[in-house]
N, C-alpha and C. Protein backbone atom coordinates (compact mmCIF):
# COMPACT_ATOMS: atom_id res chain seq x y z
N UNK A 1 0.88 -1.16 -0.07
CA UNK A 1 -0.17 0.02 0.06
C UNK A 1 0.78 1.10 0.05
N UNK A 2 0.81 2.03 -0.94
CA UNK A 2 1.65 3.22 -1.11
C UNK A 2 1.47 4.19 0.09
N UNK A 3 2.51 4.71 0.71
CA UNK A 3 2.27 5.75 1.79
C UNK A 3 1.73 6.93 1.22
N UNK A 4 1.84 7.33 0.00
CA UNK A 4 1.21 8.44 -0.69
C UNK A 4 -0.20 8.65 -0.61
N UNK A 5 -0.84 7.49 -0.31
CA UNK A 5 -2.43 7.52 -0.06
C UNK A 5 -2.81 8.24 1.07
N UNK A 6 -2.02 8.51 2.05
CA UNK A 6 -2.22 9.22 3.23
C UNK A 6 -2.27 10.79 2.80
N UNK A 7 -1.88 11.10 1.61
CA UNK A 7 -1.98 12.63 1.18
C UNK A 7 -3.41 12.77 0.69
N UNK A 8 -4.13 11.89 0.60
CA UNK A 8 -5.66 11.97 0.17
C UNK A 8 -6.56 12.57 1.31
N UNK A 9 -5.83 13.40 2.02
CA UNK A 9 -6.36 13.98 3.41
C UNK A 9 -7.83 14.72 3.40
N UNK A 10 -8.30 14.95 2.22
CA UNK A 10 -9.59 15.52 1.90
C UNK A 10 -10.64 14.58 1.78
N UNK A 11 -10.44 13.32 1.64
CA UNK A 11 -11.29 12.24 1.46
C UNK A 11 -12.14 11.89 2.65
N UNK A 12 -13.38 12.09 2.45
CA UNK A 12 -14.46 11.89 3.63
C UNK A 12 -15.03 10.78 3.77
N UNK A 13 -15.34 9.92 2.57
CA UNK A 13 -15.91 8.64 2.66
C UNK A 13 -15.32 7.62 1.67
N UNK A 14 -15.60 6.37 1.93
CA UNK A 14 -15.39 5.36 1.01
C UNK A 14 -13.90 5.08 0.62
N UNK A 15 -13.10 4.59 1.31
CA UNK A 15 -11.72 4.16 1.09
C UNK A 15 -11.69 2.79 0.88
N UNK A 16 -11.69 2.22 -0.09
CA UNK A 16 -11.66 0.75 -0.46
C UNK A 16 -10.56 0.10 -0.85
N UNK A 17 -9.97 -0.71 -0.05
CA UNK A 17 -8.79 -1.60 -0.77
C UNK A 17 -8.93 -3.09 -0.22
N UNK A 18 -10.30 -3.53 -0.09
CA UNK A 18 -10.66 -4.70 0.41
C UNK A 18 -10.51 -5.87 -0.62
N UNK A 19 -10.41 -7.04 -0.32
CA UNK A 19 -10.45 -8.34 -1.12
C UNK A 19 -9.42 -8.18 -2.27
N UNK A 20 -8.26 -8.11 -1.83
CA UNK A 20 -7.20 -8.05 -2.80
C UNK A 20 -6.14 -9.08 -2.20
N UNK A 21 -4.91 -8.96 -2.67
CA UNK A 21 -3.74 -9.97 -2.20
C UNK A 21 -2.79 -8.80 -1.65
N UNK A 22 -3.04 -7.64 -1.00
CA UNK A 22 -2.16 -6.80 -0.51
C UNK A 22 -1.51 -7.54 0.48
N UNK A 23 -0.18 -7.33 0.70
CA UNK A 23 0.75 -8.28 1.76
C UNK A 23 1.73 -7.42 2.51
N UNK A 24 1.49 -6.09 2.46
CA UNK A 24 2.36 -5.33 3.09
C UNK A 24 1.75 -4.95 4.48
N UNK A 25 2.67 -3.95 5.21
CA UNK A 25 1.97 -3.34 6.45
C UNK A 25 1.04 -2.34 6.20
N UNK A 26 0.22 -1.89 7.01
CA UNK A 26 -0.72 -0.71 6.97
C UNK A 26 0.23 0.50 7.21
N UNK A 27 0.30 1.37 6.19
CA UNK A 27 1.06 2.55 6.32
C UNK A 27 0.56 3.55 7.41
N UNK A 28 1.48 4.06 8.21
CA UNK A 28 1.13 4.89 9.28
C UNK A 28 0.51 6.02 8.76
N UNK A 29 0.98 6.50 7.44
CA UNK A 29 0.31 7.77 6.76
C UNK A 29 -1.28 7.74 6.66
N UNK A 30 -1.85 6.43 6.66
CA UNK A 30 -3.20 6.47 6.33
C UNK A 30 -4.01 7.09 7.62
N UNK A 31 -3.15 7.47 8.84
CA UNK A 31 -3.81 8.16 9.76
C UNK A 31 -4.02 9.64 9.49
N UNK A 32 -3.42 10.01 8.40
CA UNK A 32 -3.66 11.44 7.86
C UNK A 32 -5.05 11.62 7.18
N UNK A 33 -5.86 10.57 7.03
CA UNK A 33 -6.98 10.58 6.43
C UNK A 33 -8.04 10.99 7.39
N UNK A 34 -7.72 12.01 8.22
CA UNK A 34 -8.49 12.32 9.42
C UNK A 34 -9.86 13.03 9.15
N UNK A 35 -10.23 13.28 7.90
CA UNK A 35 -11.67 13.76 7.35
C UNK A 35 -12.53 12.47 7.27
N UNK A 36 -12.03 11.32 7.15
CA UNK A 36 -12.93 10.05 6.88
C UNK A 36 -13.98 10.03 7.91
N UNK A 37 -15.29 9.79 7.45
CA UNK A 37 -16.46 9.60 8.39
C UNK A 37 -17.08 8.25 8.24
N UNK A 38 -16.83 7.73 7.03
CA UNK A 38 -17.39 6.27 6.86
C UNK A 38 -16.64 5.68 5.76
N UNK A 39 -16.66 4.22 5.83
CA UNK A 39 -16.14 3.65 4.78
C UNK A 39 -14.55 3.33 4.66
N UNK A 40 -13.99 2.93 5.77
CA UNK A 40 -12.50 2.52 5.53
C UNK A 40 -12.35 1.09 5.43
N UNK A 41 -11.97 0.51 4.32
CA UNK A 41 -12.08 -0.89 4.24
C UNK A 41 -10.49 -1.29 3.73
N UNK A 42 -9.97 -2.10 4.69
CA UNK A 42 -8.77 -2.70 4.26
C UNK A 42 -8.89 -4.33 4.45
N UNK A 43 -10.16 -4.63 4.63
CA UNK A 43 -10.39 -6.23 4.91
C UNK A 43 -10.07 -7.20 3.89
N UNK A 44 -9.98 -8.50 4.26
CA UNK A 44 -9.77 -9.55 3.36
C UNK A 44 -8.61 -9.24 2.52
N UNK A 45 -7.39 -9.20 2.99
CA UNK A 45 -6.22 -8.84 2.27
C UNK A 45 -5.18 -9.98 3.02
N UNK A 46 -3.99 -9.73 2.90
CA UNK A 46 -2.96 -10.34 3.58
C UNK A 46 -1.89 -9.49 4.45
N UNK A 47 -2.69 -8.46 4.88
CA UNK A 47 -1.90 -7.42 5.59
C UNK A 47 -1.33 -8.06 6.78
N UNK A 48 -0.08 -7.75 7.13
CA UNK A 48 0.60 -8.26 8.30
C UNK A 48 1.20 -7.09 9.21
N UNK A 49 1.70 -7.53 10.29
CA UNK A 49 2.40 -6.63 11.27
C UNK A 49 1.20 -6.18 12.04
N UNK A 50 1.44 -4.97 12.72
CA UNK A 50 0.52 -4.60 13.75
C UNK A 50 -0.34 -3.37 13.22
N UNK A 51 -1.55 -3.06 14.01
CA UNK A 51 -2.37 -1.95 13.40
C UNK A 51 -1.70 -0.71 13.86
N UNK A 52 -1.31 0.29 12.92
CA UNK A 52 -0.85 1.35 13.47
C UNK A 52 -1.50 2.35 14.42
N UNK A 53 -0.88 2.74 15.31
CA UNK A 53 -1.60 3.56 16.39
C UNK A 53 -2.12 4.93 15.69
N UNK A 54 -1.59 5.38 14.58
CA UNK A 54 -1.92 6.43 13.83
C UNK A 54 -3.36 6.44 13.44
N UNK A 55 -3.89 5.07 13.29
CA UNK A 55 -5.29 5.12 12.79
C UNK A 55 -6.36 5.58 13.77
N UNK A 56 -5.89 5.84 14.90
CA UNK A 56 -6.76 6.59 15.98
C UNK A 56 -6.95 7.92 15.72
N UNK A 57 -6.17 8.48 14.77
CA UNK A 57 -6.49 9.80 14.20
C UNK A 57 -7.67 10.10 13.34
N UNK A 58 -8.19 8.80 12.84
CA UNK A 58 -9.56 8.76 11.91
C UNK A 58 -10.73 9.01 13.05
N UNK A 59 -10.63 10.05 14.02
CA UNK A 59 -11.61 10.25 15.05
C UNK A 59 -12.90 10.86 14.53
N UNK A 60 -12.99 11.00 13.13
CA UNK A 60 -14.33 11.39 12.69
C UNK A 60 -15.21 10.26 12.08
N UNK A 61 -14.56 9.15 12.15
CA UNK A 61 -15.22 7.83 11.56
C UNK A 61 -16.48 7.56 12.60
N UNK A 62 -17.66 7.38 11.66
CA UNK A 62 -18.77 7.07 12.48
C UNK A 62 -19.33 5.70 12.09
N UNK A 63 -19.20 5.21 10.65
CA UNK A 63 -19.51 3.93 10.43
C UNK A 63 -18.44 3.17 9.52
N UNK A 64 -18.44 2.00 9.63
CA UNK A 64 -17.66 1.19 8.45
C UNK A 64 -16.19 1.12 8.58
N UNK A 65 -15.51 0.68 9.57
CA UNK A 65 -14.04 0.74 9.82
C UNK A 65 -13.65 -0.83 9.85
N UNK A 66 -13.01 -1.28 8.63
CA UNK A 66 -12.98 -2.84 8.47
C UNK A 66 -11.38 -3.02 8.26
N UNK A 67 -11.01 -3.87 9.28
CA UNK A 67 -9.42 -4.41 8.90
C UNK A 67 -9.63 -5.87 9.32
N UNK A 68 -10.58 -6.54 9.22
CA UNK A 68 -11.08 -7.83 9.44
C UNK A 68 -10.25 -8.75 8.26
N UNK A 69 -10.02 -10.00 8.49
CA UNK A 69 -9.65 -11.09 7.56
C UNK A 69 -8.38 -10.72 7.06
N UNK A 70 -7.28 -10.51 7.86
CA UNK A 70 -5.83 -10.16 7.57
C UNK A 70 -5.02 -11.09 8.45
N UNK A 71 -3.71 -10.82 8.54
CA UNK A 71 -2.87 -11.42 9.45
C UNK A 71 -2.27 -10.34 10.39
N UNK A 72 -3.02 -9.48 10.89
CA UNK A 72 -2.46 -8.41 11.74
C UNK A 72 -2.37 -9.09 13.23
N UNK A 73 -1.33 -8.58 13.79
CA UNK A 73 -0.91 -9.32 14.89
C UNK A 73 -0.55 -8.31 16.17
N UNK A 74 -0.21 -8.64 17.19
CA UNK A 74 0.05 -7.91 18.32
C UNK A 74 -1.36 -7.54 19.14
N UNK A 75 -1.28 -6.41 19.89
CA UNK A 75 -2.34 -6.11 20.60
C UNK A 75 -3.11 -4.96 19.70
N UNK A 76 -4.29 -4.73 20.25
CA UNK A 76 -5.20 -3.55 19.53
C UNK A 76 -4.93 -2.30 20.17
N UNK A 77 -4.42 -1.44 19.24
CA UNK A 77 -3.92 -0.09 19.97
C UNK A 77 -5.00 0.72 20.68
N UNK A 78 -4.49 1.25 21.83
CA UNK A 78 -5.43 1.87 22.61
C UNK A 78 -6.05 3.13 21.98
N UNK A 79 -5.05 3.68 21.22
CA UNK A 79 -5.62 4.77 20.32
C UNK A 79 -6.75 4.74 19.52
N UNK A 80 -7.14 3.41 19.12
CA UNK A 80 -8.42 3.31 18.45
C UNK A 80 -9.46 3.50 19.29
N UNK A 81 -9.43 4.05 20.49
CA UNK A 81 -10.43 4.28 21.50
C UNK A 81 -10.87 5.76 21.10
N UNK A 82 -10.19 6.50 20.27
CA UNK A 82 -10.25 7.78 19.84
C UNK A 82 -11.40 7.80 18.82
N UNK A 83 -11.60 6.65 18.27
CA UNK A 83 -12.95 6.39 17.30
C UNK A 83 -14.22 6.37 17.97
N UNK A 84 -14.31 7.49 18.87
CA UNK A 84 -15.53 7.37 19.74
C UNK A 84 -16.92 7.85 19.18
N UNK A 85 -16.79 8.19 17.83
CA UNK A 85 -18.21 8.58 17.23
C UNK A 85 -18.79 7.22 16.44
N UNK A 86 -17.94 6.12 16.57
CA UNK A 86 -18.38 4.96 15.81
C UNK A 86 -19.82 4.67 16.38
N UNK A 87 -20.72 4.23 15.36
CA UNK A 87 -22.08 3.83 15.79
C UNK A 87 -22.38 2.42 15.13
N UNK A 88 -21.74 2.12 13.84
CA UNK A 88 -21.66 0.81 13.59
C UNK A 88 -20.63 0.44 12.49
N UNK A 89 -20.33 -0.92 12.59
CA UNK A 89 -19.32 -1.56 11.62
C UNK A 89 -17.93 -1.24 12.01
N UNK A 90 -17.52 -1.77 13.19
CA UNK A 90 -16.02 -1.85 13.52
C UNK A 90 -15.52 -3.11 13.62
N UNK A 91 -14.80 -3.62 12.59
CA UNK A 91 -14.39 -5.16 12.40
C UNK A 91 -13.01 -5.23 12.49
N UNK A 92 -12.39 -5.93 13.38
CA UNK A 92 -11.06 -6.48 13.62
C UNK A 92 -11.00 -8.01 13.69
N UNK A 93 -12.01 -8.54 13.22
CA UNK A 93 -12.24 -10.10 13.30
C UNK A 93 -11.30 -10.80 12.37
N UNK A 94 -10.98 -11.98 12.77
CA UNK A 94 -10.10 -12.91 11.84
C UNK A 94 -8.80 -12.34 11.35
N UNK A 95 -8.22 -12.04 12.49
CA UNK A 95 -6.79 -11.67 12.48
C UNK A 95 -6.01 -12.59 13.52
N UNK A 96 -4.88 -12.07 13.83
CA UNK A 96 -3.97 -12.81 14.85
C UNK A 96 -3.67 -11.96 16.08
N UNK A 97 -4.68 -11.13 16.37
CA UNK A 97 -4.50 -10.30 17.50
C UNK A 97 -4.47 -10.89 18.88
N UNK A 98 -3.71 -10.38 20.06
CA UNK A 98 -3.60 -11.16 21.28
C UNK A 98 -3.74 -9.95 22.25
N UNK A 99 -3.85 -10.40 23.51
CA UNK A 99 -4.10 -9.91 24.65
C UNK A 99 -5.47 -9.58 24.74
N UNK A 100 -5.87 -8.44 25.52
CA UNK A 100 -7.15 -8.04 25.87
C UNK A 100 -7.64 -6.89 25.02
N UNK A 101 -8.82 -6.62 25.18
CA UNK A 101 -9.43 -5.59 24.26
C UNK A 101 -9.21 -4.40 25.18
N UNK A 102 -8.75 -3.36 24.59
CA UNK A 102 -8.53 -2.28 25.45
C UNK A 102 -9.61 -1.62 26.13
N UNK A 103 -9.70 -1.09 27.24
CA UNK A 103 -10.73 -0.24 27.85
C UNK A 103 -11.22 0.85 27.20
N UNK A 104 -10.32 1.47 26.48
CA UNK A 104 -10.41 2.77 25.80
C UNK A 104 -11.45 2.56 24.71
N UNK A 105 -11.59 1.38 24.18
CA UNK A 105 -12.74 1.08 23.16
C UNK A 105 -14.13 1.10 23.74
N UNK A 106 -14.96 1.82 23.24
CA UNK A 106 -16.30 1.89 23.78
C UNK A 106 -16.55 2.99 24.92
N UNK A 107 -15.59 3.72 25.21
CA UNK A 107 -15.67 4.72 26.19
C UNK A 107 -16.35 6.09 25.57
């Protein structure tokens, strides 16, 4: 995933890269898409490594945040608790995540 996609910082909805064979890490620069309010889809790929803490900067997200069905590992970043406007569609399922669910989610 090119880091330059983080420069699409005026994008408000529908960032789809789902159902491909993308096999890199999630670039930290995608946290710069901080105007996004719905439709952040990176599910059903081969993404590995950890979930970048910078994705917590997508704090305008209200619906449809999908990172499911990849090979993401480690812990769920507490910074995702900043997505406190989410009302539906927060998916991290079918990964290799460990530890507990941070209490910051759902506050």
